[in-house]
Amino acid sequence: MSRSAEEALTRRSLYDVDVTDPTGLLVDRTGMTPEDVAQITRLMSAIAGMREAEERLSEASTRYMKLNRTDMRALHFLIASQNRGSLPTPGAIAQHLGISTASTTKLLDRLERAGHIRRETHPSDRRALLVRITPETHRAAMATVGRQQARRFGAAARLTHDEREVVIRFLEDATRSLSLTDVPWAQGTSGESDAGEHSSPRAD
């Protein structure tokens, strides 16, 4: 058995409800056939496989760009802001990343020293600053991780309109099901992520 096939088999067993919940304590399988349960297991395994692929892509992109994940999220935000024609400020970046003003300043200092961004005076408010991604970093990001991420559009395009609606409905329903709102044990467990958190490669 190939390594990829073995990994897929292992992943499927991790999401097999008959393995993870053999007594039916968590999942009510009343009225479901074994075929239904097997198909749902394949679905859960496929979602896990996509998450793992996204993780590998994220790790590869941080290594290539020599940045940590928060830095990459900031650059993604700047690219999207530029494409929308908006004027991103340090405050907007801090809000998007969910980090403090001090952490944002450290992040921008690091990115600016490495030549990834530049700070400019706001055209309508001389007291405010704008943050722009440099053309070189923009091109590098688009040609690598951006191009790879865009390939998912093709997978969606290969579905019919009705199939896409089914996928959308499922993903939105699953997202609501995973919401931590009104889950007592999860309250107060999420703290602010620092600008240097997650991945060790740094730009400085």
N, C-alpha and C. Protein backbone atom coordinates (compact mmCIF):
# COMPACT_ATOMS: atom_id res chain seq x y z
N MET A 1 0.85 -1.20 0.00
CA MET A 1 0.00 0.00 0.00
C MET A 1 0.88 1.25 0.00
N SER A 2 0.57 2.21 -0.86
CA SER A 2 1.35 3.44 -0.92
C SER A 2 1.14 4.26 0.35
N ARG A 3 2.08 5.19 0.59
CA ARG A 3 1.98 6.01 1.80
C ARG A 3 0.72 6.87 1.78
N SER A 4 0.40 7.44 0.60
CA SER A 4 -0.80 8.28 0.50
C SER A 4 -2.07 7.48 0.74
N ALA A 5 -2.09 6.24 0.22
CA ALA A 5 -3.27 5.39 0.43
C ALA A 5 -3.39 5.00 1.89
N GLU A 6 -2.24 4.74 2.54
CA GLU A 6 -2.27 4.39 3.96
C GLU A 6 -2.74 5.58 4.81
N GLU A 7 -2.27 6.78 4.45
CA GLU A 7 -2.70 7.98 5.18
C GLU A 7 -4.21 8.20 5.02
N ALA A 8 -4.71 7.97 3.79
CA ALA A 8 -6.14 8.13 3.55
C ALA A 8 -6.95 7.14 4.37
N LEU A 9 -6.45 5.89 4.47
CA LEU A 9 -7.15 4.87 5.24
C LEU A 9 -7.15 5.22 6.72
N THR A 10 -6.01 5.71 7.21
CA THR A 10 -5.92 6.11 8.62
C THR A 10 -6.86 7.27 8.90
N ARG A 11 -6.87 8.26 8.00
CA ARG A 11 -7.75 9.42 8.19
C ARG A 11 -9.20 9.00 8.21
N ARG A 12 -9.57 8.08 7.32
CA ARG A 12 -10.96 7.64 7.26
C ARG A 12 -11.37 6.95 8.55
N SER A 13 -10.45 6.16 9.14
CA SER A 13 -10.79 5.48 10.39
C SER A 13 -10.98 6.48 11.51
N LEU A 14 -10.24 7.60 11.48
CA LEU A 14 -10.39 8.61 12.51
C LEU A 14 -11.74 9.30 12.46
N TYR A 15 -12.35 9.32 11.27
CA TYR A 15 -13.64 9.98 11.11
C TYR A 15 -14.77 8.99 10.90
N ASP A 16 -14.49 7.71 11.15
CA ASP A 16 -15.52 6.68 11.07
C ASP A 16 -16.30 6.71 12.39
N VAL A 17 -17.57 7.06 12.31
CA VAL A 17 -18.38 7.19 13.52
C VAL A 17 -18.49 5.87 14.28
N ASP A 18 -18.40 4.76 13.56
CA ASP A 18 -18.45 3.47 14.24
C ASP A 18 -17.19 3.21 15.06
N VAL A 19 -16.11 3.93 14.72
CA VAL A 19 -14.86 3.81 15.48
C VAL A 19 -14.82 4.84 16.60
N THR A 20 -15.19 6.08 16.29
CA THR A 20 -15.09 7.15 17.28
C THR A 20 -16.26 7.19 18.26
N ASP A 21 -17.40 6.62 17.86
CA ASP A 21 -18.59 6.64 18.72
C ASP A 21 -19.34 5.32 18.58
N PRO A 22 -18.70 4.23 18.95
CA PRO A 22 -19.31 2.90 18.72
C PRO A 22 -20.60 2.66 19.48
N THR A 23 -20.82 3.34 20.60
CA THR A 23 -22.01 3.10 21.40
C THR A 23 -23.15 4.07 21.09
N GLY A 24 -22.92 5.00 20.18
CA GLY A 24 -23.96 5.96 19.84
C GLY A 24 -24.18 7.03 20.89
N LEU A 25 -23.17 7.30 21.69
CA LEU A 25 -23.29 8.33 22.73
C LEU A 25 -23.38 9.74 22.12
N LEU A 26 -22.68 9.97 21.03
CA LEU A 26 -22.61 11.31 20.43
C LEU A 26 -23.48 11.48 19.20
N VAL A 27 -23.59 10.43 18.40
CA VAL A 27 -24.29 10.54 17.12
C VAL A 27 -25.45 9.55 17.08
N ASP A 28 -26.65 10.08 16.86
CA ASP A 28 -27.84 9.24 16.75
C ASP A 28 -27.92 8.71 15.32
N ARG A 29 -27.75 7.41 15.14
CA ARG A 29 -27.76 6.82 13.80
C ARG A 29 -29.08 6.12 13.50
N THR A 30 -30.10 6.47 14.26
CA THR A 30 -31.42 5.87 14.04
C THR A 30 -31.89 6.16 12.62
N GLY A 31 -32.33 5.12 11.92
CA GLY A 31 -32.86 5.28 10.58
C GLY A 31 -31.80 5.35 9.50
N MET A 32 -30.53 5.29 9.87
CA MET A 32 -29.46 5.34 8.88
C MET A 32 -29.00 3.94 8.54
N THR A 33 -28.74 3.72 7.28
CA THR A 33 -28.22 2.43 6.85
C THR A 33 -26.70 2.43 6.99
N PRO A 34 -26.08 1.24 6.99
CA PRO A 34 -24.61 1.19 7.00
C PRO A 34 -24.00 1.96 5.83
N GLU A 35 -24.71 1.95 4.69
CA GLU A 35 -24.22 2.69 3.54
C GLU A 35 -24.23 4.19 3.80
N ASP A 36 -25.27 4.69 4.50
CA ASP A 36 -25.32 6.11 4.87
C ASP A 36 -24.14 6.48 5.75
N VAL A 37 -23.90 5.64 6.76
CA VAL A 37 -22.81 5.92 7.70
C VAL A 37 -21.46 5.90 6.97
N ALA A 38 -21.28 4.95 6.06
CA ALA A 38 -20.03 4.86 5.32
C ALA A 38 -19.83 6.07 4.42
N GLN A 39 -20.91 6.54 3.81
CA GLN A 39 -20.79 7.71 2.93
C GLN A 39 -20.45 8.97 3.74
N ILE A 40 -21.08 9.12 4.90
CA ILE A 40 -20.78 10.28 5.75
C ILE A 40 -19.34 10.21 6.24
N THR A 41 -18.85 9.00 6.53
CA THR A 41 -17.45 8.84 6.92
C THR A 41 -16.53 9.31 5.80
N ARG A 42 -16.87 8.94 4.56
CA ARG A 42 -16.06 9.39 3.41
C ARG A 42 -16.08 10.91 3.30
N LEU A 43 -17.25 11.50 3.54
CA LEU A 43 -17.37 12.96 3.48
C LEU A 43 -16.50 13.63 4.54
N MET A 44 -16.60 13.16 5.78
CA MET A 44 -15.79 13.74 6.85
C MET A 44 -14.30 13.57 6.58
N SER A 45 -13.93 12.41 6.04
CA SER A 45 -12.54 12.15 5.71
C SER A 45 -12.06 13.08 4.60
N ALA A 46 -12.94 13.34 3.62
CA ALA A 46 -12.56 14.23 2.52
C ALA A 46 -12.33 15.65 3.02
N ILE A 47 -13.17 16.10 3.97
CA ILE A 47 -12.99 17.43 4.54
C ILE A 47 -11.65 17.50 5.28
N ALA A 48 -11.35 16.45 6.05
CA ALA A 48 -10.08 16.41 6.77
C ALA A 48 -8.91 16.42 5.80
N GLY A 49 -9.05 15.71 4.68
CA GLY A 49 -7.99 15.71 3.68
C GLY A 49 -7.75 17.09 3.10
N MET A 50 -8.82 17.85 2.87
CA MET A 50 -8.66 19.20 2.35
C MET A 50 -7.98 20.10 3.37
N ARG A 51 -8.37 19.95 4.65
CA ARG A 51 -7.72 20.75 5.71
C ARG A 51 -6.23 20.44 5.76
N GLU A 52 -5.87 19.17 5.62
CA GLU A 52 -4.46 18.80 5.66
C GLU A 52 -3.71 19.38 4.46
N ALA A 53 -4.36 19.39 3.29
CA ALA A 53 -3.74 19.98 2.10
C ALA A 53 -3.53 21.48 2.29
N GLU A 54 -4.52 22.14 2.90
CA GLU A 54 -4.39 23.57 3.18
C GLU A 54 -3.25 23.83 4.16
N GLU A 55 -3.11 22.96 5.14
CA GLU A 55 -2.03 23.10 6.13
C GLU A 55 -0.67 22.95 5.46
N ARG A 56 -0.55 21.97 4.57
CA ARG A 56 0.73 21.77 3.87
C ARG A 56 1.04 22.97 2.99
N LEU A 57 0.02 23.51 2.33
CA LEU A 57 0.23 24.68 1.48
C LEU A 57 0.65 25.88 2.32
N SER A 58 0.01 26.05 3.47
CA SER A 58 0.35 27.16 4.36
C SER A 58 1.78 27.05 4.84
N GLU A 59 2.18 25.84 5.23
CA GLU A 59 3.55 25.64 5.71
C GLU A 59 4.56 25.88 4.59
N ALA A 60 4.25 25.41 3.39
CA ALA A 60 5.16 25.62 2.26
C ALA A 60 5.29 27.10 1.92
N SER A 61 4.18 27.83 1.99
CA SER A 61 4.22 29.25 1.65
C SER A 61 4.99 30.06 2.67
N THR A 62 4.86 29.70 3.97
CA THR A 62 5.62 30.43 4.99
C THR A 62 7.11 30.17 4.84
N ARG A 63 7.48 28.93 4.47
CA ARG A 63 8.90 28.63 4.26
C ARG A 63 9.43 29.40 3.06
N TYR A 64 8.65 29.42 1.97
CA TYR A 64 9.09 30.08 0.74
C TYR A 64 9.24 31.59 0.96
N MET A 65 8.26 32.20 1.61
CA MET A 65 8.29 33.65 1.82
C MET A 65 9.14 34.05 3.02
N LYS A 66 9.58 33.04 3.81
CA LYS A 66 10.36 33.28 5.03
C LYS A 66 9.60 34.19 6.01
N LEU A 67 8.34 33.88 6.19
CA LEU A 67 7.46 34.65 7.07
C LEU A 67 6.67 33.70 7.95
N ASN A 68 6.11 34.22 9.05
CA ASN A 68 5.24 33.38 9.85
C ASN A 68 3.80 33.52 9.36
N ARG A 69 2.90 32.78 9.95
CA ARG A 69 1.53 32.73 9.42
C ARG A 69 0.79 34.05 9.60
N THR A 70 1.05 34.72 10.72
CA THR A 70 0.38 36.00 10.92
C THR A 70 0.86 37.01 9.89
N ASP A 71 2.15 36.99 9.57
CA ASP A 71 2.68 37.85 8.52
C ASP A 71 1.97 37.57 7.19
N MET A 72 1.80 36.28 6.87
CA MET A 72 1.16 35.90 5.62
C MET A 72 -0.29 36.35 5.59
N ARG A 73 -0.97 36.25 6.72
CA ARG A 73 -2.36 36.72 6.79
C ARG A 73 -2.42 38.23 6.56
N ALA A 74 -1.44 38.94 7.09
CA ALA A 74 -1.41 40.39 6.89
C ALA A 74 -1.20 40.73 5.41
N LEU A 75 -0.30 40.01 4.75
CA LEU A 75 -0.06 40.26 3.33
C LEU A 75 -1.28 39.93 2.49
N HIS A 76 -1.97 38.84 2.84
CA HIS A 76 -3.19 38.47 2.13
C HIS A 76 -4.23 39.58 2.27
N PHE A 77 -4.34 40.11 3.48
CA PHE A 77 -5.28 41.21 3.72
C PHE A 77 -4.92 42.43 2.88
N LEU A 78 -3.63 42.74 2.79
CA LEU A 78 -3.19 43.90 2.00
C LEU A 78 -3.47 43.71 0.51
N ILE A 79 -3.27 42.49 0.02
CA ILE A 79 -3.56 42.21 -1.40
C ILE A 79 -5.05 42.37 -1.67
N ALA A 80 -5.88 41.80 -0.79
CA ALA A 80 -7.33 41.91 -0.97
C ALA A 80 -7.77 43.37 -0.88
N SER A 81 -7.19 44.12 0.04
CA SER A 81 -7.54 45.54 0.18
C SER A 81 -7.17 46.31 -1.07
N GLN A 82 -6.00 46.03 -1.59
CA GLN A 82 -5.57 46.71 -2.81
C GLN A 82 -6.49 46.38 -3.98
N ASN A 83 -6.89 45.12 -4.08
CA ASN A 83 -7.79 44.73 -5.18
C ASN A 83 -9.16 45.39 -5.05
N ARG A 84 -9.58 45.67 -3.82
CA ARG A 84 -10.85 46.36 -3.61
C ARG A 84 -10.74 47.86 -3.75
N GLY A 85 -9.52 48.35 -3.84
CA GLY A 85 -9.31 49.79 -3.94
C GLY A 85 -9.43 50.50 -2.61
N SER A 86 -9.34 49.76 -1.49
CA SER A 86 -9.43 50.38 -0.18
C SER A 86 -8.05 50.80 0.30
N LEU A 87 -8.01 51.58 1.37
CA LEU A 87 -6.76 52.11 1.90
C LEU A 87 -6.53 51.52 3.28
N PRO A 88 -5.80 50.41 3.38
CA PRO A 88 -5.63 49.74 4.67
C PRO A 88 -4.73 50.51 5.63
N THR A 89 -5.16 50.67 6.84
CA THR A 89 -4.40 51.33 7.89
C THR A 89 -3.88 50.29 8.87
N PRO A 90 -2.91 50.64 9.70
CA PRO A 90 -2.48 49.70 10.74
C PRO A 90 -3.63 49.26 11.63
N GLY A 91 -4.56 50.16 11.92
CA GLY A 91 -5.71 49.78 12.73
C GLY A 91 -6.57 48.73 12.08
N ALA A 92 -6.77 48.86 10.76
CA ALA A 92 -7.57 47.86 10.03
C ALA A 92 -6.88 46.51 10.04
N ILE A 93 -5.55 46.51 9.92
CA ILE A 93 -4.80 45.26 9.96
C ILE A 93 -4.92 44.62 11.33
N ALA A 94 -4.80 45.43 12.39
CA ALA A 94 -4.92 44.92 13.75
C ALA A 94 -6.29 44.29 13.97
N GLN A 95 -7.32 44.94 13.49
CA GLN A 95 -8.68 44.42 13.65
C GLN A 95 -8.85 43.11 12.88
N HIS A 96 -8.33 43.07 11.67
CA HIS A 96 -8.46 41.85 10.86
C HIS A 96 -7.74 40.68 11.50
N LEU A 97 -6.55 40.91 12.04
CA LEU A 97 -5.75 39.84 12.61
C LEU A 97 -6.15 39.52 14.05
N GLY A 98 -6.87 40.44 14.71
CA GLY A 98 -7.25 40.24 16.08
C GLY A 98 -6.08 40.35 17.04
N ILE A 99 -5.15 41.28 16.75
CA ILE A 99 -3.99 41.47 17.60
C ILE A 99 -3.95 42.91 18.08
N SER A 100 -3.10 43.19 19.05
CA SER A 100 -3.02 44.52 19.64
C SER A 100 -2.30 45.50 18.73
N THR A 101 -2.43 46.78 19.07
CA THR A 101 -1.72 47.83 18.33
C THR A 101 -0.21 47.62 18.42
N ALA A 102 0.27 47.26 19.60
CA ALA A 102 1.70 47.04 19.78
C ALA A 102 2.20 45.87 18.93
N SER A 103 1.44 44.78 18.90
CA SER A 103 1.82 43.63 18.08
C SER A 103 1.80 43.98 16.61
N THR A 104 0.82 44.79 16.21
CA THR A 104 0.73 45.21 14.81
C THR A 104 1.94 46.06 14.42
N THR A 105 2.35 46.94 15.31
CA THR A 105 3.52 47.78 15.03
C THR A 105 4.76 46.91 14.83
N LYS A 106 4.94 45.90 15.70
CA LYS A 106 6.08 44.99 15.56
C LYS A 106 6.02 44.25 14.23
N LEU A 107 4.82 43.78 13.88
CA LEU A 107 4.63 43.05 12.63
C LEU A 107 4.99 43.93 11.43
N LEU A 108 4.49 45.16 11.42
CA LEU A 108 4.75 46.06 10.29
C LEU A 108 6.22 46.46 10.23
N ASP A 109 6.84 46.67 11.38
CA ASP A 109 8.27 46.97 11.40
C ASP A 109 9.06 45.84 10.75
N ARG A 110 8.71 44.60 11.11
CA ARG A 110 9.39 43.43 10.58
C ARG A 110 9.20 43.31 9.06
N LEU A 111 7.95 43.49 8.62
CA LEU A 111 7.66 43.37 7.19
C LEU A 111 8.31 44.50 6.39
N GLU A 112 8.36 45.68 6.98
CA GLU A 112 8.97 46.80 6.27
C GLU A 112 10.48 46.62 6.15
N ARG A 113 11.13 46.16 7.22
CA ARG A 113 12.57 45.92 7.17
C ARG A 113 12.93 44.89 6.10
N ALA A 114 12.05 43.90 5.92
CA ALA A 114 12.30 42.85 4.94
C ALA A 114 11.89 43.25 3.53
N GLY A 115 11.33 44.46 3.37
CA GLY A 115 10.97 44.93 2.05
C GLY A 115 9.65 44.42 1.52
N HIS A 116 8.78 43.93 2.43
CA HIS A 116 7.49 43.39 1.99
C HIS A 116 6.38 44.45 1.94
N ILE A 117 6.50 45.47 2.77
CA ILE A 117 5.47 46.52 2.80
C ILE A 117 6.13 47.88 2.92
N ARG A 118 5.36 48.91 2.69
CA ARG A 118 5.82 50.27 2.97
C ARG A 118 4.66 51.04 3.60
N ARG A 119 5.00 51.96 4.47
CA ARG A 119 4.01 52.79 5.13
C ARG A 119 4.06 54.19 4.52
N GLU A 120 2.87 54.71 4.23
CA GLU A 120 2.75 56.01 3.59
C GLU A 120 1.77 56.88 4.36
N THR A 121 1.87 58.17 4.15
CA THR A 121 0.92 59.09 4.76
C THR A 121 -0.42 58.98 4.06
N HIS A 122 -1.49 58.96 4.83
CA HIS A 122 -2.84 58.88 4.28
C HIS A 122 -3.12 60.14 3.46
N PRO A 123 -3.69 60.00 2.26
CA PRO A 123 -3.90 61.17 1.39
C PRO A 123 -4.89 62.19 1.94
N SER A 124 -5.83 61.75 2.78
CA SER A 124 -6.83 62.69 3.29
C SER A 124 -6.70 62.97 4.79
N ASP A 125 -5.77 62.27 5.45
CA ASP A 125 -5.56 62.49 6.88
C ASP A 125 -4.07 62.38 7.16
N ARG A 126 -3.41 63.52 7.26
CA ARG A 126 -1.96 63.54 7.41
C ARG A 126 -1.49 62.89 8.70
N ARG A 127 -2.39 62.70 9.65
CA ARG A 127 -2.00 62.07 10.91
C ARG A 127 -2.05 60.55 10.84
N ALA A 128 -2.67 60.03 9.79
CA ALA A 128 -2.84 58.58 9.66
C ALA A 128 -1.84 58.00 8.66
N LEU A 129 -1.63 56.69 8.77
CA LEU A 129 -0.72 55.97 7.87
C LEU A 129 -1.48 54.95 7.04
N LEU A 130 -0.99 54.72 5.84
CA LEU A 130 -1.46 53.63 5.00
C LEU A 130 -0.39 52.57 4.94
N VAL A 131 -0.79 51.34 4.69
CA VAL A 131 0.16 50.25 4.53
C VAL A 131 -0.07 49.63 3.16
N ARG A 132 1.00 49.52 2.39
CA ARG A 132 0.90 48.94 1.05
C ARG A 132 1.91 47.81 0.91
N ILE A 133 1.50 46.73 0.26
CA ILE A 133 2.42 45.65 -0.05
C ILE A 133 3.29 46.09 -1.22
N THR A 134 4.57 45.74 -1.21
CA THR A 134 5.45 46.14 -2.30
C THR A 134 5.14 45.31 -3.55
N PRO A 135 5.39 45.87 -4.72
CA PRO A 135 5.10 45.13 -5.97
C PRO A 135 5.83 43.79 -6.03
N GLU A 136 7.06 43.74 -5.53
CA GLU A 136 7.84 42.50 -5.60
C GLU A 136 7.20 41.40 -4.75
N THR A 137 6.81 41.74 -3.54
CA THR A 137 6.17 40.76 -2.67
C THR A 137 4.79 40.36 -3.20
N HIS A 138 4.07 41.34 -3.75
CA HIS A 138 2.76 41.05 -4.34
C HIS A 138 2.90 40.02 -5.45
N ARG A 139 3.87 40.23 -6.34
CA ARG A 139 4.07 39.29 -7.45
C ARG A 139 4.48 37.92 -6.94
N ALA A 140 5.37 37.86 -5.94
CA ALA A 140 5.82 36.58 -5.41
C ALA A 140 4.68 35.81 -4.76
N ALA A 141 3.85 36.51 -4.01
CA ALA A 141 2.72 35.85 -3.33
C ALA A 141 1.70 35.35 -4.35
N MET A 142 1.41 36.15 -5.36
CA MET A 142 0.41 35.75 -6.36
C MET A 142 0.90 34.58 -7.21
N ALA A 143 2.21 34.56 -7.50
CA ALA A 143 2.75 33.51 -8.37
C ALA A 143 2.91 32.19 -7.66
N THR A 144 2.87 32.18 -6.34
CA THR A 144 3.09 30.95 -5.59
C THR A 144 1.81 30.51 -4.89
N VAL A 145 1.64 30.94 -3.65
CA VAL A 145 0.49 30.48 -2.87
C VAL A 145 -0.83 30.94 -3.48
N GLY A 146 -0.85 32.15 -4.04
CA GLY A 146 -2.07 32.65 -4.65
C GLY A 146 -2.52 31.78 -5.82
N ARG A 147 -1.58 31.42 -6.68
CA ARG A 147 -1.91 30.58 -7.83
C ARG A 147 -2.39 29.20 -7.39
N GLN A 148 -1.75 28.66 -6.35
CA GLN A 148 -2.14 27.33 -5.87
C GLN A 148 -3.53 27.37 -5.24
N GLN A 149 -3.79 28.39 -4.43
CA GLN A 149 -5.11 28.52 -3.80
C GLN A 149 -6.20 28.67 -4.86
N ALA A 150 -5.89 29.37 -5.94
CA ALA A 150 -6.89 29.63 -6.97
C ALA A 150 -7.35 28.36 -7.68
N ARG A 151 -6.58 27.29 -7.58
CA ARG A 151 -6.95 26.05 -8.25
C ARG A 151 -8.21 25.45 -7.66
N ARG A 152 -8.56 25.85 -6.44
CA ARG A 152 -9.82 25.35 -5.86
C ARG A 152 -11.02 25.86 -6.63
N PHE A 153 -10.87 27.03 -7.27
CA PHE A 153 -11.98 27.56 -8.06
C PHE A 153 -12.35 26.57 -9.16
N GLY A 154 -11.33 25.94 -9.74
CA GLY A 154 -11.60 24.96 -10.80
C GLY A 154 -12.39 23.77 -10.30
N ALA A 155 -12.08 23.34 -9.07
CA ALA A 155 -12.83 22.21 -8.50
C ALA A 155 -14.29 22.59 -8.33
N ALA A 156 -14.56 23.82 -7.90
CA ALA A 156 -15.94 24.27 -7.75
C ALA A 156 -16.60 24.45 -9.11
N ALA A 157 -15.84 24.92 -10.08
CA ALA A 157 -16.39 25.16 -11.41
C ALA A 157 -16.81 23.85 -12.10
N ARG A 158 -16.18 22.76 -11.71
CA ARG A 158 -16.51 21.47 -12.32
C ARG A 158 -17.82 20.89 -11.79
N LEU A 159 -18.39 21.49 -10.76
CA LEU A 159 -19.69 21.07 -10.26
C LEU A 159 -20.80 21.79 -11.03
N THR A 160 -21.97 21.21 -11.02
CA THR A 160 -23.12 21.91 -11.60
C THR A 160 -23.61 22.97 -10.61
N HIS A 161 -24.48 23.83 -11.09
CA HIS A 161 -25.05 24.87 -10.23
C HIS A 161 -25.74 24.25 -9.02
N ASP A 162 -26.54 23.21 -9.25
CA ASP A 162 -27.27 22.58 -8.15
C ASP A 162 -26.32 21.88 -7.18
N GLU A 163 -25.26 21.27 -7.71
CA GLU A 163 -24.29 20.61 -6.83
C GLU A 163 -23.59 21.64 -5.94
N ARG A 164 -23.27 22.78 -6.50
CA ARG A 164 -22.62 23.82 -5.69
C ARG A 164 -23.54 24.30 -4.59
N GLU A 165 -24.83 24.42 -4.87
CA GLU A 165 -25.78 24.86 -3.85
C GLU A 165 -25.84 23.85 -2.71
N VAL A 166 -25.77 22.54 -3.04
CA VAL A 166 -25.77 21.51 -2.00
C VAL A 166 -24.51 21.64 -1.14
N VAL A 167 -23.36 21.83 -1.78
CA VAL A 167 -22.11 21.97 -1.04
C VAL A 167 -22.15 23.20 -0.14
N ILE A 168 -22.64 24.31 -0.68
CA ILE A 168 -22.74 25.55 0.09
C ILE A 168 -23.63 25.34 1.30
N ARG A 169 -24.78 24.72 1.08
CA ARG A 169 -25.72 24.50 2.19
C ARG A 169 -25.09 23.63 3.27
N PHE A 170 -24.40 22.58 2.84
CA PHE A 170 -23.75 21.70 3.81
C PHE A 170 -22.68 22.45 4.60
N LEU A 171 -21.81 23.19 3.92
CA LEU A 171 -20.71 23.88 4.60
C LEU A 171 -21.25 24.94 5.56
N GLU A 172 -22.26 25.67 5.13
CA GLU A 172 -22.83 26.69 6.02
C GLU A 172 -23.49 26.04 7.23
N ASP A 173 -24.19 24.92 7.02
CA ASP A 173 -24.84 24.21 8.12
C ASP A 173 -23.80 23.63 9.08
N ALA A 174 -22.73 23.05 8.50
CA ALA A 174 -21.67 22.48 9.33
C ALA A 174 -20.97 23.56 10.14
N THR A 175 -20.76 24.73 9.53
CA THR A 175 -20.13 25.84 10.24
C THR A 175 -20.98 26.28 11.43
N ARG A 176 -22.29 26.39 11.19
CA ARG A 176 -23.19 26.76 12.30
C ARG A 176 -23.15 25.70 13.39
N SER A 177 -23.07 24.44 12.99
CA SER A 177 -23.06 23.35 13.97
C SER A 177 -21.81 23.39 14.84
N LEU A 178 -20.71 23.91 14.31
CA LEU A 178 -19.45 23.96 15.05
C LEU A 178 -19.28 25.25 15.84
N SER A 179 -20.25 26.16 15.74
CA SER A 179 -20.14 27.43 16.45
C SER A 179 -19.99 27.22 17.95
N LEU A 180 -19.12 28.01 18.56
CA LEU A 180 -18.89 27.91 20.00
C LEU A 180 -19.78 28.86 20.79
N THR A 181 -20.69 29.56 20.11
CA THR A 181 -21.64 30.41 20.81
C THR A 181 -22.50 29.56 21.73
N ASP A 182 -22.65 30.01 22.96
CA ASP A 182 -23.46 29.30 23.96
C ASP A 182 -22.90 27.93 24.32
N VAL A 183 -21.58 27.76 24.15
CA VAL A 183 -20.93 26.52 24.60
C VAL A 183 -20.12 26.89 25.84
N PRO A 184 -20.62 26.58 27.04
CA PRO A 184 -19.99 27.06 28.28
C PRO A 184 -18.52 26.71 28.42
N TRP A 185 -18.13 25.46 28.08
CA TRP A 185 -16.75 25.05 28.33
C TRP A 185 -15.76 25.76 27.42
N ALA A 186 -16.25 26.36 26.31
CA ALA A 186 -15.34 27.00 25.35
C ALA A 186 -15.18 28.49 25.61
N GLN A 187 -16.00 29.06 26.49
CA GLN A 187 -15.94 30.50 26.72
C GLN A 187 -14.65 30.87 27.45
N GLY A 188 -14.02 31.93 26.96
CA GLY A 188 -12.82 32.43 27.61
C GLY A 188 -11.57 31.65 27.30
N THR A 189 -11.63 30.75 26.30
CA THR A 189 -10.46 29.94 25.99
C THR A 189 -9.65 30.51 24.85
N SER A 190 -10.20 31.49 24.12
CA SER A 190 -9.49 32.02 22.96
C SER A 190 -8.89 33.37 23.32
N GLY A 191 -7.58 33.42 23.35
CA GLY A 191 -6.89 34.67 23.63
C GLY A 191 -6.38 35.30 22.37
N GLU A 192 -5.84 36.50 22.50
CA GLU A 192 -5.29 37.20 21.34
C GLU A 192 -4.05 36.49 20.86
N SER A 193 -3.96 36.29 19.57
CA SER A 193 -2.76 35.70 18.99
C SER A 193 -1.76 36.79 18.70
N ASP A 194 -0.51 36.54 19.10
CA ASP A 194 0.51 37.55 18.90
C ASP A 194 0.98 37.53 17.46
N ALA A 195 1.64 38.63 17.04
CA ALA A 195 2.09 38.75 15.66
C ALA A 195 3.21 37.79 15.35
N GLY A 196 3.88 37.26 16.36
CA GLY A 196 4.96 36.33 16.09
C GLY A 196 4.58 34.90 16.37
N GLU A 197 3.29 34.65 16.56
CA GLU A 197 2.84 33.31 16.94
C GLU A 197 2.80 32.39 15.75
N HIS A 198 2.67 31.12 16.04
CA HIS A 198 2.45 30.02 15.09
C HIS A 198 3.75 29.49 14.51
N SER A 199 4.30 30.15 13.50
CA SER A 199 5.39 29.55 12.78
C SER A 199 6.68 30.30 13.07
N SER A 200 7.78 29.58 13.15
CA SER A 200 9.03 30.18 13.59
C SER A 200 9.77 31.00 12.54
N PRO A 201 9.70 30.68 11.21
CA PRO A 201 10.46 31.47 10.26
C PRO A 201 10.09 32.95 10.36
N ARG A 202 11.08 33.80 10.37
CA ARG A 202 10.85 35.22 10.55
C ARG A 202 11.48 35.97 9.38
N ALA A 203 11.00 37.19 9.16
CA ALA A 203 11.53 37.99 8.09
C ALA A 203 12.76 38.77 8.53
N ASP A 204 13.01 38.87 9.86
CA ASP A 204 14.14 39.68 10.30
C ASP A 204 15.30 38.80 10.74
